[in-house]
Amino acid sequence: MRQTIDGEATLLEQFVELLRREQTSLTQGVADDLPQLADQKNGLVIQLNRLSAQRAAFLETRGLTADLSWSRARFASSSARIASA
């Protein structure tokens, strides 16, 4: 699981860097780089989706979900107990 999360973090850093490069190209009016940047972003999205699916499968085998509903419910429950104290 650690390897999956580390992989996702690395890919997200790469994605953000591509977005910065894209922004620079757009602000400088250099459209020639955009198709290559789009292809690279698409490749990273595919890899991110694969790792996300791996993380979700790992969590599911442990009875957890990859969404925030559990943590939101837990936070609401904790907040209610604190408020009533």
Protein backbone atom coordinates (compact mmCIF):
# COMPACT_ATOMS: atom_id res chain seq x y z
CA MET A 1 0.00 0.00 0.00
CA ARG A 2 2.84 2.37 0.85
CA GLN A 3 4.32 1.85 -2.62
CA THR A 4 0.98 2.67 -4.24
CA ILE A 5 0.56 5.88 -2.25
CA ASP A 6 4.17 6.90 -2.93
CA GLY A 7 3.58 6.24 -6.62
CA GLU A 8 0.45 8.37 -6.60
CA ALA A 9 2.30 11.21 -4.88
CA THR A 10 5.11 11.08 -7.44
CA LEU A 11 2.68 11.05 -10.35
CA LEU A 12 0.74 13.96 -8.88
CA GLU A 13 3.95 15.96 -8.57
CA GLN A 14 4.71 15.21 -12.22
CA PHE A 15 1.16 16.18 -13.20
CA VAL A 16 1.42 19.51 -11.37
CA GLU A 17 4.73 20.19 -13.11
CA LEU A 18 3.08 19.52 -16.47
CA LEU A 19 0.28 21.93 -15.55
CA ARG A 20 2.87 24.58 -14.73
CA ARG A 21 4.57 24.02 -18.08
CA GLU A 22 1.21 24.20 -19.82
CA GLN A 23 0.37 27.43 -18.02
CA THR A 24 3.71 28.92 -19.05
CA SER A 25 3.12 27.90 -22.66
CA LEU A 26 -0.35 29.44 -22.60
CA THR A 27 0.71 32.70 -20.99
CA GLN A 28 3.61 33.04 -23.44
CA GLY A 29 1.40 32.18 -26.39
CA VAL A 30 3.44 29.11 -27.34
CA ALA A 31 0.84 26.63 -28.54
CA ASP A 32 3.34 24.25 -30.15
CA ASP A 33 4.01 22.52 -26.81
CA LEU A 34 0.35 21.93 -25.96
CA PRO A 35 -0.29 18.66 -27.86
CA GLN A 36 2.76 17.00 -26.29
CA LEU A 37 1.82 18.28 -22.83
CA ALA A 38 -1.74 16.97 -23.30
CA ASP A 39 -0.40 13.54 -24.27
CA GLN A 40 1.87 13.49 -21.23
CA LYS A 41 -0.99 14.53 -18.94
CA ASN A 42 -3.22 11.81 -20.39
CA GLY A 43 -0.50 9.23 -19.73
CA LEU A 44 -0.19 10.35 -16.12
CA VAL A 45 -3.97 10.27 -15.65
CA ILE A 46 -4.05 6.67 -16.88
CA GLN A 47 -1.33 5.73 -14.41
CA LEU A 48 -3.05 7.63 -11.58
CA ASN A 49 -6.33 5.85 -12.30
CA ARG A 50 -4.55 2.49 -12.16
CA LEU A 51 -2.95 3.28 -8.80
CA SER A 52 -6.21 4.68 -7.48
CA ALA A 53 -7.95 1.42 -8.39
CA GLN A 54 -5.21 -0.53 -6.59
CA ARG A 55 -5.64 1.61 -3.48
CA ALA A 56 -9.42 1.23 -3.58
CA ALA A 57 -9.11 -2.56 -3.95
CA PHE A 58 -6.71 -2.70 -1.02
CA LEU A 59 -9.09 -0.70 1.17
CA GLU A 60 -12.07 -2.76 0.07
CA THR A 61 -10.37 -5.99 1.18
CA ARG A 62 -10.21 -4.42 4.63
CA GLY A 63 -13.84 -3.32 4.65
CA LEU A 64 -13.04 0.34 3.96
CA THR A 65 -13.91 2.68 1.13
CA ALA A 66 -11.72 5.07 -0.81
CA ASP A 67 -14.18 7.94 -0.40
CA LEU A 68 -14.49 10.34 2.50
CA SER A 69 -17.87 9.17 3.80
CA TRP A 70 -16.37 7.16 6.66
CA SER A 71 -14.10 9.98 7.81
CA ARG A 72 -16.90 12.53 7.51
CA ALA A 73 -19.21 10.35 9.61
CA ARG A 74 -16.44 9.82 12.16
CA PHE A 75 -15.74 13.56 12.33
CA ALA A 76 -19.45 14.36 12.73
CA SER A 77 -19.74 11.80 15.52
CA SER A 78 -16.68 13.16 17.32
CA SER A 79 -17.86 16.74 16.89
CA ALA A 80 -21.28 15.88 18.32
CA ARG A 81 -19.71 14.24 21.39
CA ILE A 82 -17.46 17.24 21.97
CA ALA A 83 -20.34 19.71 21.54
CA SER A 84 -22.49 17.84 24.06
CA ALA A 85 -19.71 17.67 26.66
